[in-house]
Amino acid sequence: MTAYAYVLWSKRLQKRYIGSCRDIEIRLKEHNRGRQRFTKGGIPWVVVYKEEYPDYSSARKREVYLKTGQGRKYLDDVLGD
């Protein structure tokens, strides 16, 4: 089953959030409903980057990498931050 590693952006907080999921549209709605403590204060969130993977395990590994220093630098380069 397809899964995603994704990056959300909050204009209000001027921060990004990195995560992984199976259905990115449903997950975005959950973030924007304020059900997650970290993302609650940054509503509205928008998807600014996503990568598709064949399974959740691969997407989760990529999420963990994107949260490292090297991964954040990669996102800075790709997103122009």
C-alpha atoms as a PDB file:
ATOM      1  CA  MET A   1       0.000   0.000   0.000  1.00  0.00           C
ATOM      2  CA  THR A   2       1.317   3.435  -0.971  1.00  0.00           C
ATOM      3  CA  ALA A   3       2.614   5.739   1.761  1.00  0.00           C
ATOM      4  CA  TYR A   4       4.113   9.214   1.934  1.00  0.00           C
ATOM      5  CA  ALA A   5       6.790  11.204   3.690  1.00  0.00           C
ATOM      6  CA  TYR A   6       5.604  14.797   3.737  1.00  0.00           C
ATOM      7  CA  VAL A   7       6.386  18.317   4.857  1.00  0.00           C
ATOM      8  CA  LEU A   8       3.737  20.771   6.002  1.00  0.00           C
ATOM      9  CA  TRP A   9       4.208  24.533   6.352  1.00  0.00           C
ATOM     10  CA  SER A  10       2.501  26.901   8.772  1.00  0.00           C
ATOM     11  CA  LYS A  11       2.606  30.547   7.758  1.00  0.00           C
ATOM     12  CA  ARG A  12       1.389  31.493  11.234  1.00  0.00           C
ATOM     13  CA  LEU A  13       4.306  29.766  13.011  1.00  0.00           C
ATOM     14  CA  GLN A  14       6.802  30.092  10.151  1.00  0.00           C
ATOM     15  CA  LYS A  15       7.636  26.433  10.791  1.00  0.00           C
ATOM     16  CA  ARG A  16       7.502  23.186   8.968  1.00  0.00           C
ATOM     17  CA  TYR A  17       6.311  19.821  10.187  1.00  0.00           C
ATOM     18  CA  ILE A  18       7.705  16.532   8.845  1.00  0.00           C
ATOM     19  CA  GLY A  19       5.646  13.354   8.962  1.00  0.00           C
ATOM     20  CA  SER A  20       4.637  10.138   7.225  1.00  0.00           C
ATOM     21  CA  CYS A  21       1.271   8.560   6.510  1.00  0.00           C
ATOM     22  CA  ARG A  22      -0.710   6.294   4.221  1.00  0.00           C
ATOM     23  CA  ASP A  23      -3.247   8.896   3.036  1.00  0.00           C
ATOM     24  CA  ILE A  24      -1.889  12.425   2.842  1.00  0.00           C
ATOM     25  CA  GLU A  25      -5.252  14.129   2.250  1.00  0.00           C
ATOM     26  CA  ILE A  26      -6.805  12.583   5.355  1.00  0.00           C
ATOM     27  CA  ARG A  27      -3.682  13.313   7.392  1.00  0.00           C
ATOM     28  CA  LEU A  28      -3.683  16.986   6.351  1.00  0.00           C
ATOM     29  CA  LYS A  29      -7.322  17.289   7.439  1.00  0.00           C
ATOM     30  CA  GLU A  30      -6.419  15.772  10.816  1.00  0.00           C
ATOM     31  CA  HIS A  31      -3.619  18.323  11.298  1.00  0.00           C
ATOM     32  CA  ASN A  32      -5.930  21.176  10.348  1.00  0.00           C
ATOM     33  CA  ARG A  33      -8.621  20.016  12.774  1.00  0.00           C
ATOM     34  CA  GLY A  34      -6.196  20.644  15.634  1.00  0.00           C
ATOM     35  CA  ARG A  35      -6.068  17.088  16.958  1.00  0.00           C
ATOM     36  CA  GLN A  36      -2.269  16.910  17.195  1.00  0.00           C
ATOM     37  CA  ARG A  37      -0.686  18.943  19.957  1.00  0.00           C
ATOM     38  CA  PHE A  38       2.332  20.147  17.967  1.00  0.00           C
ATOM     39  CA  THR A  39       0.387  21.234  14.896  1.00  0.00           C
ATOM     40  CA  LYS A  40      -2.638  22.648  16.708  1.00  0.00           C
ATOM     41  CA  GLY A  41      -1.203  26.167  16.988  1.00  0.00           C
ATOM     42  CA  GLY A  42      -0.130  26.386  13.352  1.00  0.00           C
ATOM     43  CA  ILE A  43      -3.445  25.954  11.579  1.00  0.00           C
ATOM     44  CA  PRO A  44      -3.815  26.203   8.621  1.00  0.00           C
ATOM     45  CA  TRP A  45      -1.101  23.799   7.447  1.00  0.00           C
ATOM     46  CA  VAL A  46      -0.337  23.263   3.769  1.00  0.00           C
ATOM     47  CA  VAL A  47       1.592  20.460   2.079  1.00  0.00           C
ATOM     48  CA  VAL A  48       4.768  21.928   0.582  1.00  0.00           C
ATOM     49  CA  TYR A  49       6.593  18.676  -0.186  1.00  0.00           C
ATOM     50  CA  LYS A  50       5.804  14.976  -0.456  1.00  0.00           C
ATOM     51  CA  GLU A  51       7.494  11.776  -1.554  1.00  0.00           C
ATOM     52  CA  GLU A  52       5.627   8.584  -2.420  1.00  0.00           C
ATOM     53  CA  TYR A  53       6.804   5.157  -1.230  1.00  0.00           C
ATOM     54  CA  PRO A  54       5.539   1.614  -1.828  1.00  0.00           C
ATOM     55  CA  ASP A  55       4.991   0.964   1.891  1.00  0.00           C
ATOM     56  CA  TYR A  56       4.687   2.762   5.225  1.00  0.00           C
ATOM     57  CA  SER A  57       7.993   1.421   6.542  1.00  0.00           C
ATOM     58  CA  SER A  58       9.923   3.107   3.715  1.00  0.00           C
ATOM     59  CA  ALA A  59       8.032   6.377   4.187  1.00  0.00           C
ATOM     60  CA  ARG A  60       8.726   6.291   7.939  1.00  0.00           C
ATOM     61  CA  LYS A  61      12.455   5.763   7.328  1.00  0.00           C
ATOM     62  CA  ARG A  62      12.485   8.776   5.026  1.00  0.00           C
ATOM     63  CA  GLU A  63      10.616  10.840   7.640  1.00  0.00           C
ATOM     64  CA  VAL A  64      13.256   9.978  10.229  1.00  0.00           C
ATOM     65  CA  TYR A  65      16.015  10.983   7.770  1.00  0.00           C
ATOM     66  CA  LEU A  66      14.320  14.280   6.908  1.00  0.00           C
ATOM     67  CA  LYS A  67      14.312  15.140  10.614  1.00  0.00           C
ATOM     68  CA  THR A  68      18.116  14.811  10.834  1.00  0.00           C
ATOM     69  CA  GLY A  69      20.513  17.679  10.179  1.00  0.00           C
ATOM     70  CA  GLN A  70      21.302  16.351   6.703  1.00  0.00           C
ATOM     71  CA  GLY A  71      17.621  15.862   5.946  1.00  0.00           C
ATOM     72  CA  ARG A  72      16.754  19.380   7.052  1.00  0.00           C
ATOM     73  CA  LYS A  73      19.543  20.753   4.859  1.00  0.00           C
ATOM     74  CA  TYR A  74      18.169  18.744   1.930  1.00  0.00           C
ATOM     75  CA  LEU A  75      14.726  20.257   2.516  1.00  0.00           C
ATOM     76  CA  ASP A  76      16.217  23.750   2.816  1.00  0.00           C
ATOM     77  CA  ASP A  77      17.836  23.244  -0.601  1.00  0.00           C
ATOM     78  CA  VAL A  78      14.726  21.751  -2.226  1.00  0.00           C
ATOM     79  CA  LEU A  79      12.256  24.202  -0.690  1.00  0.00           C
ATOM     80  CA  GLY A  80      14.505  27.228  -0.946  1.00  0.00           C
ATOM     81  CA  ASP A  81      14.432  28.000   2.806  1.00  0.00           C
END
